């Protein structure tokens, strides 16, 4: 037996903007109101505490790039400090051996 289909709500028609109940501004489809920022964000993903901003349609690419650049910076930091750490570990071993 087929599941009953509820009728579409009139305010959810394609291409029709609705009013946000919190800020009373026109809210396009797939926009959500962020209580931390106090604005409606189109295709909101989440509110990021690291950048103190909402991640959505307009800045998602930049947020992903921030993560990529942070990973690259971490890899470079480990790669540049690894030889010094190996040298220090070898020096400690030589001191313990007494040579």
PDB file of N, CA and C in Angstrom:
ATOM      1  N   UNK A   1       0.847  -1.178   0.000  1.00  0.00           N
ATOM      2  CA  UNK A   1       0.000   0.000   0.000  1.00  0.00           C
ATOM      3  C   UNK A   1       0.892   1.240   0.000  1.00  0.00           C
ATOM      4  N   UNK A   2       0.516   2.221  -0.772  1.00  0.00           N
ATOM      5  CA  UNK A   2       1.301   3.446  -0.904  1.00  0.00           C
ATOM      6  C   UNK A   2       1.147   4.321   0.342  1.00  0.00           C
ATOM      7  N   UNK A   3       2.214   5.024   0.645  1.00  0.00           N
ATOM      8  CA  UNK A   3       2.179   5.959   1.764  1.00  0.00           C
ATOM      9  C   UNK A   3       1.381   7.194   1.376  1.00  0.00           C
ATOM     10  N   UNK A   4       0.619   7.745   2.305  1.00  0.00           N
ATOM     11  CA  UNK A   4      -0.115   8.974   1.982  1.00  0.00           C
ATOM     12  C   UNK A   4       0.852  10.146   1.815  1.00  0.00           C
ATOM     13  N   UNK A   5       0.575  10.984   0.859  1.00  0.00           N
ATOM     14  CA  UNK A   5       1.419  12.146   0.587  1.00  0.00           C
ATOM     15  C   UNK A   5       0.722  13.387   1.126  1.00  0.00           C
ATOM     16  N   UNK A   6       1.423  14.096   1.986  1.00  0.00           N
ATOM     17  CA  UNK A   6       0.855  15.311   2.564  1.00  0.00           C
ATOM     18  C   UNK A   6       0.863  16.417   1.517  1.00  0.00           C
ATOM     19  N   UNK A   7      -0.146  17.264   1.516  1.00  0.00           N
ATOM     20  CA  UNK A   7      -0.141  18.378   0.555  1.00  0.00           C
ATOM     21  C   UNK A   7       0.988  19.357   0.867  1.00  0.00           C
ATOM     22  N   UNK A   8       1.538  19.949  -0.185  1.00  0.00           N
ATOM     23  CA  UNK A   8       2.638  20.903  -0.012  1.00  0.00           C
ATOM     24  C   UNK A   8       2.138  22.151   0.696  1.00  0.00           C
ATOM     25  N   UNK A   9       2.986  22.680   1.560  1.00  0.00           N
ATOM     26  CA  UNK A   9       2.627  23.920   2.233  1.00  0.00           C
ATOM     27  C   UNK A   9       2.709  25.059   1.230  1.00  0.00           C
ATOM     28  N   UNK A  10       1.768  25.964   1.238  1.00  0.00           N
ATOM     29  CA  UNK A  10       1.763  27.036   0.224  1.00  0.00           C
ATOM     30  C   UNK A  10       2.992  27.932   0.280  1.00  0.00           C
ATOM     31  N   UNK A  11       3.612  28.087   1.448  1.00  0.00           N
ATOM     32  CA  UNK A  11       4.792  28.958   1.535  1.00  0.00           C
ATOM     33  C   UNK A  11       6.054  28.266   1.031  1.00  0.00           C
ATOM     34  N   UNK A  12       5.978  26.980   0.685  1.00  0.00           N
ATOM     35  CA  UNK A  12       7.146  26.246   0.196  1.00  0.00           C
ATOM     36  C   UNK A  12       7.082  26.005  -1.303  1.00  0.00           C
ATOM     37  N   UNK A  13       6.573  26.923  -2.031  1.00  0.00           N
ATOM     38  CA  UNK A  13       6.501  26.768  -3.480  1.00  0.00           C
ATOM     39  C   UNK A  13       7.850  27.100  -4.097  1.00  0.00           C
ATOM     40  N   UNK A  14       8.263  26.358  -5.150  1.00  0.00           N
ATOM     41  CA  UNK A  14       9.559  26.627  -5.792  1.00  0.00           C
ATOM     42  C   UNK A  14       9.666  28.059  -6.298  1.00  0.00           C
ATOM     43  N   UNK A  15      10.793  28.688  -6.006  1.00  0.00           N
ATOM     44  CA  UNK A  15      11.038  30.046  -6.472  1.00  0.00           C
ATOM     45  C   UNK A  15      10.392  31.130  -5.639  1.00  0.00           C
ATOM     46  N   UNK A  16       9.681  30.766  -4.603  1.00  0.00           N
ATOM     47  CA  UNK A  16       8.990  31.763  -3.788  1.00  0.00           C
ATOM     48  C   UNK A  16       9.766  31.997  -2.494  1.00  0.00           C
ATOM     49  N   UNK A  17      10.065  33.244  -2.211  1.00  0.00           N
ATOM     50  CA  UNK A  17      10.747  33.595  -0.967  1.00  0.00           C
ATOM     51  C   UNK A  17       9.712  33.725   0.144  1.00  0.00           C
ATOM     52  N   UNK A  18      10.108  33.321   1.325  1.00  0.00           N
ATOM     53  CA  UNK A  18       9.241  33.461   2.490  1.00  0.00           C
ATOM     54  C   UNK A  18       9.866  34.474   3.443  1.00  0.00           C
ATOM     55  N   UNK A  19       9.135  34.833   4.456  1.00  0.00           N
ATOM     56  CA  UNK A  19       9.671  35.736   5.475  1.00  0.00           C
ATOM     57  C   UNK A  19      10.244  34.909   6.617  1.00  0.00           C
ATOM     58  N   UNK A  20      11.411  35.309   7.064  1.00  0.00           N
ATOM     59  CA  UNK A  20      12.028  34.651   8.215  1.00  0.00           C
ATOM     60  C   UNK A  20      11.245  35.047   9.461  1.00  0.00           C
ATOM     61  N   UNK A  21      10.953  34.069  10.288  1.00  0.00           N
ATOM     62  CA  UNK A  21      10.167  34.344  11.486  1.00  0.00           C
ATOM     63  C   UNK A  21      10.973  35.049  12.563  1.00  0.00           C
ATOM     64  N   UNK A  22      12.308  34.995  12.468  1.00  0.00           N
ATOM     65  CA  UNK A  22      13.144  35.607  13.499  1.00  0.00           C
ATOM     66  C   UNK A  22      13.589  37.020  13.147  1.00  0.00           C
ATOM     67  N   UNK A  23      13.991  37.243  11.867  1.00  0.00           N
ATOM     68  CA  UNK A  23      14.481  38.578  11.501  1.00  0.00           C
ATOM     69  C   UNK A  23      13.522  39.325  10.575  1.00  0.00           C
ATOM     70  N   UNK A  24      12.427  38.695  10.194  1.00  0.00           N
ATOM     71  CA  UNK A  24      11.393  39.301   9.345  1.00  0.00           C
ATOM     72  C   UNK A  24      11.918  39.779   7.993  1.00  0.00           C
ATOM     73  N   UNK A  25      13.020  39.221   7.528  1.00  0.00           N
ATOM     74  CA  UNK A  25      13.580  39.560   6.216  1.00  0.00           C
ATOM     75  C   UNK A  25      13.134  38.506   5.208  1.00  0.00           C
ATOM     76  N   UNK A  26      13.088  38.867   3.921  1.00  0.00           N
ATOM     77  CA  UNK A  26      12.765  37.851   2.909  1.00  0.00           C
ATOM     78  C   UNK A  26      13.813  36.739   2.933  1.00  0.00           C
ATOM     79  N   UNK A  27      13.340  35.510   2.977  1.00  0.00           N
ATOM     80  CA  UNK A  27      14.234  34.354   3.086  1.00  0.00           C
ATOM     81  C   UNK A  27      14.035  33.469   1.864  1.00  0.00           C
ATOM     82  N   UNK A  28      15.078  33.346   1.023  1.00  0.00           N
ATOM     83  CA  UNK A  28      14.936  32.489  -0.158  1.00  0.00           C
ATOM     84  C   UNK A  28      14.905  31.009   0.225  1.00  0.00           C
ATOM     85  N   UNK A  29      14.626  30.179  -0.761  1.00  0.00           N
ATOM     86  CA  UNK A  29      14.624  28.739  -0.525  1.00  0.00           C
ATOM     87  C   UNK A  29      15.990  28.284  -0.020  1.00  0.00           C
ATOM     88  N   UNK A  30      16.008  27.267   0.825  1.00  0.00           N
ATOM     89  CA  UNK A  30      17.220  26.644   1.362  1.00  0.00           C
ATOM     90  C   UNK A  30      18.083  27.613   2.166  1.00  0.00           C
ATOM     91  N   UNK A  31      17.475  28.629   2.738  1.00  0.00           N
ATOM     92  CA  UNK A  31      18.193  29.539   3.631  1.00  0.00           C
ATOM     93  C   UNK A  31      17.755  29.242   5.064  1.00  0.00           C
ATOM     94  N   UNK A  32      18.684  29.397   5.980  1.00  0.00           N
ATOM     95  CA  UNK A  32      18.394  29.159   7.388  1.00  0.00           C
ATOM     96  C   UNK A  32      18.874  30.352   8.202  1.00  0.00           C
ATOM     97  N   UNK A  33      18.181  30.620   9.287  1.00  0.00           N
ATOM     98  CA  UNK A  33      18.541  31.726  10.167  1.00  0.00           C
ATOM     99  C   UNK A  33      19.552  31.229  11.195  1.00  0.00           C
ATOM    100  N   UNK A  34      20.661  31.928  11.309  1.00  0.00           N
ATOM    101  CA  UNK A  34      21.677  31.595  12.316  1.00  0.00           C
ATOM    102  C   UNK A  34      21.423  32.454  13.548  1.00  0.00           C
ATOM    103  N   UNK A  35      21.245  31.798  14.667  1.00  0.00           N
ATOM    104  CA  UNK A  35      20.977  32.547  15.894  1.00  0.00           C
ATOM    105  C   UNK A  35      22.228  33.239  16.413  1.00  0.00           C
ATOM    106  N   UNK A  36      23.417  32.736  16.054  1.00  0.00           N
ATOM    107  CA  UNK A  36      24.658  33.366  16.511  1.00  0.00           C
ATOM    108  C   UNK A  36      24.992  34.614  15.700  1.00  0.00           C
ATOM    109  N   UNK A  37      24.781  34.557  14.384  1.00  0.00           N
ATOM    110  CA  UNK A  37      25.063  35.713  13.518  1.00  0.00           C
ATOM    111  C   UNK A  37      23.876  36.671  13.443  1.00  0.00           C
ATOM    112  N   UNK A  38      22.677  36.140  13.593  1.00  0.00           N
ATOM    113  CA  UNK A  38      21.477  36.958  13.516  1.00  0.00           C
ATOM    114  C   UNK A  38      21.036  37.273  12.100  1.00  0.00           C
ATOM    115  N   UNK A  39      21.473  36.469  11.125  1.00  0.00           N
ATOM    116  CA  UNK A  39      21.092  36.689   9.727  1.00  0.00           C
ATOM    117  C   UNK A  39      20.677  35.363   9.104  1.00  0.00           C
ATOM    118  N   UNK A  40      19.987  35.451   7.969  1.00  0.00           N
ATOM    119  CA  UNK A  40      19.646  34.266   7.195  1.00  0.00           C
ATOM    120  C   UNK A  40      20.777  33.991   6.214  1.00  0.00           C
ATOM    121  N   UNK A  41      21.219  32.740   6.143  1.00  0.00           N
ATOM    122  CA  UNK A  41      22.351  32.345   5.311  1.00  0.00           C
ATOM    123  C   UNK A  41      21.863  31.339   4.278  1.00  0.00           C
ATOM    124  N   UNK A  42      22.136  31.631   3.008  1.00  0.00           N
ATOM    125  CA  UNK A  42      21.726  30.759   1.918  1.00  0.00           C
ATOM    126  C   UNK A  42      22.537  29.468   1.949  1.00  0.00           C
ATOM    127  N   UNK A  43      21.856  28.332   1.888  1.00  0.00           N
ATOM    128  CA  UNK A  43      22.475  26.996   1.930  1.00  0.00           C
ATOM    129  C   UNK A  43      23.463  26.874   3.096  1.00  0.00           C
ATOM    130  N   UNK A  44      23.002  27.258   4.263  1.00  0.00           N
ATOM    131  CA  UNK A  44      23.856  27.249   5.461  1.00  0.00           C
ATOM    132  C   UNK A  44      24.321  25.835   5.784  1.00  0.00           C
ATOM    133  N   UNK A  45      25.629  25.682   5.986  1.00  0.00           N
ATOM    134  CA  UNK A  45      26.207  24.400   6.375  1.00  0.00           C
ATOM    135  C   UNK A  45      26.329  24.342   7.897  1.00  0.00           C
ATOM    136  N   UNK A  46      27.027  25.312   8.487  1.00  0.00           N
ATOM    137  CA  UNK A  46      27.170  25.374   9.930  1.00  0.00           C
ATOM    138  C   UNK A  46      27.768  26.722  10.319  1.00  0.00           C
ATOM    139  N   UNK A  47      27.714  27.021  11.606  1.00  0.00           N
ATOM    140  CA  UNK A  47      28.379  28.211  12.132  1.00  0.00           C
ATOM    141  C   UNK A  47      29.728  27.759  12.669  1.00  0.00           C
ATOM    142  N   UNK A  48      30.800  28.297  12.118  1.00  0.00           N
ATOM    143  CA  UNK A  48      32.154  27.865  12.483  1.00  0.00           C
ATOM    144  C   UNK A  48      32.733  28.802  13.541  1.00  0.00           C
ATOM    145  N   UNK A  49      33.101  28.269  14.710  1.00  0.00           N
ATOM    146  CA  UNK A  49      33.699  29.131  15.735  1.00  0.00           C
ATOM    147  C   UNK A  49      35.112  29.570  15.385  1.00  0.00           C
ATOM    148  N   UNK A  50      35.799  28.843  14.495  1.00  0.00           N
ATOM    149  CA  UNK A  50      37.176  29.192  14.139  1.00  0.00           C
ATOM    150  C   UNK A  50      37.236  30.460  13.306  1.00  0.00           C
ATOM    151  N   UNK A  51      36.265  30.657  12.435  1.00  0.00           N
ATOM    152  CA  UNK A  51      36.240  31.874  11.615  1.00  0.00           C
ATOM    153  C   UNK A  51      35.178  32.850  12.112  1.00  0.00           C
ATOM    154  N   UNK A  52      34.443  32.457  13.155  1.00  0.00           N
ATOM    155  CA  UNK A  52      33.390  33.271  13.753  1.00  0.00           C
ATOM    156  C   UNK A  52      32.410  33.766  12.693  1.00  0.00           C
ATOM    157  N   UNK A  53      31.958  32.828  11.862  1.00  0.00           N
ATOM    158  CA  UNK A  53      31.054  33.167  10.777  1.00  0.00           C
ATOM    159  C   UNK A  53      30.302  31.913  10.362  1.00  0.00           C
ATOM    160  N   UNK A  54      29.208  32.115   9.653  1.00  0.00           N
ATOM    161  CA  UNK A  54      28.469  30.985   9.101  1.00  0.00           C
ATOM    162  C   UNK A  54      29.109  30.546   7.799  1.00  0.00           C
ATOM    163  N   UNK A  55      29.108  29.247   7.565  1.00  0.00           N
ATOM    164  CA  UNK A  55      29.596  28.693   6.309  1.00  0.00           C
ATOM    165  C   UNK A  55      28.365  28.353   5.482  1.00  0.00           C
ATOM    166  N   UNK A  56      28.309  28.946   4.302  1.00  0.00           N
ATOM    167  CA  UNK A  56      27.167  28.726   3.426  1.00  0.00           C
ATOM    168  C   UNK A  56      27.564  28.832   1.970  1.00  0.00           C
ATOM    169  N   UNK A  57      26.601  29.165   1.137  1.00  0.00           N
ATOM    170  CA  UNK A  57      26.792  29.188  -0.313  1.00  0.00           C
ATOM    171  C   UNK A  57      27.902  30.140  -0.741  1.00  0.00           C
ATOM    172  N   UNK A  58      27.966  31.302  -0.141  1.00  0.00           N
ATOM    173  CA  UNK A  58      28.907  32.331  -0.605  1.00  0.00           C
ATOM    174  C   UNK A  58      30.343  32.129  -0.141  1.00  0.00           C
ATOM    175  N   UNK A  59      30.569  31.373   0.929  1.00  0.00           N
ATOM    176  CA  UNK A  59      31.941  31.230   1.424  1.00  0.00           C
ATOM    177  C   UNK A  59      32.363  29.783   1.656  1.00  0.00           C
ATOM    178  N   UNK A  60      31.617  28.821   1.125  1.00  0.00           N
ATOM    179  CA  UNK A  60      31.964  27.416   1.336  1.00  0.00           C
ATOM    180  C   UNK A  60      33.307  27.072   0.698  1.00  0.00           C
ATOM    181  N   UNK A  61      33.560  27.588  -0.503  1.00  0.00           N
ATOM    182  CA  UNK A  61      34.828  27.322  -1.190  1.00  0.00           C
ATOM    183  C   UNK A  61      36.005  27.829  -0.359  1.00  0.00           C
ATOM    184  N   UNK A  62      35.878  29.008   0.204  1.00  0.00           N
ATOM    185  CA  UNK A  62      36.956  29.588   1.001  1.00  0.00           C
ATOM    186  C   UNK A  62      37.164  28.811   2.302  1.00  0.00           C
ATOM    187  N   UNK A  63      36.080  28.272   2.868  1.00  0.00           N
ATOM    188  CA  UNK A  63      36.197  27.462   4.078  1.00  0.00           C
ATOM    189  C   UNK A  63      36.949  26.163   3.788  1.00  0.00           C
ATOM    190  N   UNK A  64      36.646  25.530   2.660  1.00  0.00           N
ATOM    191  CA  UNK A  64      37.361  24.305   2.279  1.00  0.00           C
ATOM    192  C   UNK A  64      38.830  24.620   2.017  1.00  0.00           C
ATOM    193  N   UNK A  65      39.106  25.733   1.336  1.00  0.00           N
ATOM    194  CA  UNK A  65      40.487  26.134   1.085  1.00  0.00           C
ATOM    195  C   UNK A  65      41.235  26.398   2.391  1.00  0.00           C
ATOM    196  N   UNK A  66      40.562  26.968   3.372  1.00  0.00           N
ATOM    197  CA  UNK A  66      41.182  27.178   4.683  1.00  0.00           C
ATOM    198  C   UNK A  66      41.624  25.846   5.282  1.00  0.00           C
ATOM    199  N   UNK A  67      40.783  24.836   5.192  1.00  0.00           N
ATOM    200  CA  UNK A  67      41.151  23.516   5.693  1.00  0.00           C
ATOM    201  C   UNK A  67      42.309  22.902   4.927  1.00  0.00           C
ATOM    202  N   UNK A  68      42.303  23.061   3.605  1.00  0.00           N
ATOM    203  CA  UNK A  68      43.391  22.520   2.779  1.00  0.00           C
ATOM    204  C   UNK A  68      44.704  23.216   3.115  1.00  0.00           C
ATOM    205  N   UNK A  69      44.680  24.534   3.207  1.00  0.00           N
ATOM    206  CA  UNK A  69      45.906  25.283   3.519  1.00  0.00           C
ATOM    207  C   UNK A  69      46.405  24.977   4.928  1.00  0.00           C
ATOM    208  N   UNK A  70      45.504  24.760   5.873  1.00  0.00           N
ATOM    209  CA  UNK A  70      45.916  24.398   7.233  1.00  0.00           C
ATOM    210  C   UNK A  70      46.595  23.031   7.238  1.00  0.00           C
ATOM    211  N   UNK A  71      46.063  22.098   6.464  1.00  0.00           N
ATOM    212  CA  UNK A  71      46.707  20.771   6.366  1.00  0.00           C
ATOM    213  C   UNK A  71      48.077  20.882   5.715  1.00  0.00           C
ATOM    214  N   UNK A  72      48.176  21.664   4.643  1.00  0.00           N
ATOM    215  CA  UNK A  72      49.470  21.844   3.981  1.00  0.00           C
ATOM    216  C   UNK A  72      50.484  22.499   4.913  1.00  0.00           C
ATOM    217  N   UNK A  73      50.054  23.499   5.666  1.00  0.00           N
ATOM    218  CA  UNK A  73      50.957  24.164   6.605  1.00  0.00           C
ATOM    219  C   UNK A  73      51.425  23.190   7.688  1.00  0.00           C
ATOM    220  N   UNK A  74      50.535  22.315   8.137  1.00  0.00           N
ATOM    221  CA  UNK A  74      50.922  21.323   9.145  1.00  0.00           C
ATOM    222  C   UNK A  74      51.932  20.334   8.581  1.00  0.00           C
ATOM    223  N   UNK A  75      51.732  19.903   7.351  1.00  0.00           N
ATOM    224  CA  UNK A  75      52.669  18.971   6.718  1.00  0.00           C
ATOM    225  C   UNK A  75      54.037  19.625   6.549  1.00  0.00           C
ATOM    226  N   UNK A  76      54.062  20.884   6.126  1.00  0.00           N
ATOM    227  CA  UNK A  76      55.330  21.603   5.959  1.00  0.00           C
ATOM    228  C   UNK A  76      56.028  21.778   7.304  1.00  0.00           C
ATOM    229  N   UNK A  77      55.266  22.091   8.347  1.00  0.00           N
ATOM    230  CA  UNK A  77      55.862  22.266   9.678  1.00  0.00           C
ATOM    231  C   UNK A  77      56.485  20.967  10.179  1.00  0.00           C
ATOM    232  N   UNK A  78      55.803  19.858   9.983  1.00  0.00           N
ATOM    233  CA  UNK A  78      56.358  18.567  10.412  1.00  0.00           C
ATOM    234  C   UNK A  78      57.575  18.212   9.574  1.00  0.00           C
ATOM    235  N   UNK A  79      57.502  18.431   8.262  1.00  0.00           N
ATOM    236  CA  UNK A  79      58.617  18.075   7.377  1.00  0.00           C
ATOM    237  C   UNK A  79      59.863  18.899   7.674  1.00  0.00           C
ATOM    238  N   UNK A  80      59.697  20.166   8.029  1.00  0.00           N
ATOM    239  CA  UNK A  80      60.866  21.002   8.308  1.00  0.00           C
ATOM    240  C   UNK A  80      61.434  20.764   9.706  1.00  0.00           C
ATOM    241  N   UNK A  81      60.612  20.338  10.637  1.00  0.00           N
ATOM    242  CA  UNK A  81      61.121  20.106  11.993  1.00  0.00           C
ATOM    243  C   UNK A  81      61.571  18.667  12.221  1.00  0.00           C
ATOM    244  N   UNK A  82      61.200  17.752  11.348  1.00  0.00           N
ATOM    245  CA  UNK A  82      61.556  16.349  11.536  1.00  0.00           C
ATOM    246  C   UNK A  82      63.065  16.101  11.547  1.00  0.00           C
ATOM    247  N   UNK A  83      63.854  16.677  10.642  1.00  0.00           N
ATOM    248  CA  UNK A  83      65.305  16.443  10.720  1.00  0.00           C
ATOM    249  C   UNK A  83      65.917  16.904  12.048  1.00  0.00           C
ATOM    250  N   UNK A  84      65.468  18.017  12.559  1.00  0.00           N
ATOM    251  CA  UNK A  84      65.986  18.510  13.838  1.00  0.00           C
ATOM    252  C   UNK A  84      65.587  17.584  14.989  1.00  0.00           C
ATOM    253  N   UNK A  85      64.369  17.070  14.945  1.00  0.00           N
ATOM    254  CA  UNK A  85      63.932  16.135  15.980  1.00  0.00           C
ATOM    255  C   UNK A  85      64.731  14.837  15.926  1.00  0.00           C
ATOM    256  N   UNK A  86      65.022  14.358  14.727  1.00  0.00           N
ATOM    257  CA  UNK A  86      65.831  13.145  14.583  1.00  0.00           C
ATOM    258  C   UNK A  86      67.241  13.399  15.100  1.00  0.00           C
ATOM    259  N   UNK A  87      67.799  14.569  14.788  1.00  0.00           N
ATOM    260  CA  UNK A  87      69.141  14.923  15.269  1.00  0.00           C
ATOM    261  C   UNK A  87      69.171  14.985  16.795  1.00  0.00           C
ATOM    262  N   UNK A  88      68.163  15.615  17.389  1.00  0.00           N
ATOM    263  CA  UNK A  88      68.113  15.721  18.855  1.00  0.00           C
ATOM    264  C   UNK A  88      67.958  14.347  19.495  1.00  0.00           C
ATOM    265  N   UNK A  89      67.145  13.483  18.908  1.00  0.00           N
ATOM    266  CA  UNK A  89      66.976  12.133  19.448  1.00  0.00           C
ATOM    267  C   UNK A  89      68.293  11.369  19.370  1.00  0.00           C
ATOM    268  N   UNK A  90      69.039  11.540  18.278  1.00  0.00           N
ATOM    269  CA  UNK A  90      70.342  10.890  18.150  1.00  0.00           C
ATOM    270  C   UNK A  90      71.340  11.436  19.146  1.00  0.00           C
ATOM    271  N   UNK A  91      71.305  12.739  19.389  1.00  0.00           N
ATOM    272  CA  UNK A  91      72.213  13.353  20.360  1.00  0.00           C
ATOM    273  C   UNK A  91      71.913  12.849  21.765  1.00  0.00           C
ATOM    274  N   UNK A  92      70.646  12.702  22.108  1.00  0.00           N
ATOM    275  CA  UNK A  92      70.291  12.170  23.429  1.00  0.00           C
ATOM    276  C   UNK A  92      70.761  10.730  23.584  1.00  0.00           C
ATOM    277  N   UNK A  93      70.638   9.962  22.528  1.00  0.00           N
ATOM    278  CA  UNK A  93      71.105   8.571  22.576  1.00  0.00           C
ATOM    279  C   UNK A  93      72.613   8.514  22.768  1.00  0.00           C
ATOM    280  N   UNK A  94      73.348   9.398  22.080  1.00  0.00           N
ATOM    281  CA  UNK A  94      74.808   9.431  22.226  1.00  0.00           C
ATOM    282  C   UNK A  94      75.206   9.866  23.632  1.00  0.00           C
ATOM    283  N   UNK A  95      74.465  10.799  24.222  1.00  0.00           N
ATOM    284  CA  UNK A  95      74.765  11.233  25.592  1.00  0.00           C
ATOM    285  C   UNK A  95      74.536  10.106  26.596  1.00  0.00           C
ATOM    286  N   UNK A  96      73.456   9.352  26.391  1.00  0.00           N
ATOM    287  CA  UNK A  96      73.169   8.243  27.301  1.00  0.00           C
ATOM    288  C   UNK A  96      74.219   7.141  27.182  1.00  0.00           C
ATOM    289  N   UNK A  97      74.755   6.924  25.972  1.00  0.00           N
ATOM    290  CA  UNK A  97      75.775   5.896  25.761  1.00  0.00           C
ATOM    291  C   UNK A  97      77.142   6.360  26.249  1.00  0.00           C
ATOM    292  N   UNK A  98      77.319   7.658  26.394  1.00  0.00           N
ATOM    293  CA  UNK A  98      78.591   8.199  26.859  1.00  0.00           C
ATOM    294  C   UNK A  98      79.610   8.385  25.756  1.00  0.00           C
ATOM    295  N   UNK A  99      79.176   8.438  24.527  1.00  0.00           N
ATOM    296  CA  UNK A  99      80.130   8.648  23.428  1.00  0.00           C
ATOM    297  C   UNK A  99      80.075  10.055  22.916  1.00  0.00           C
TER     298      UNK A  99
END
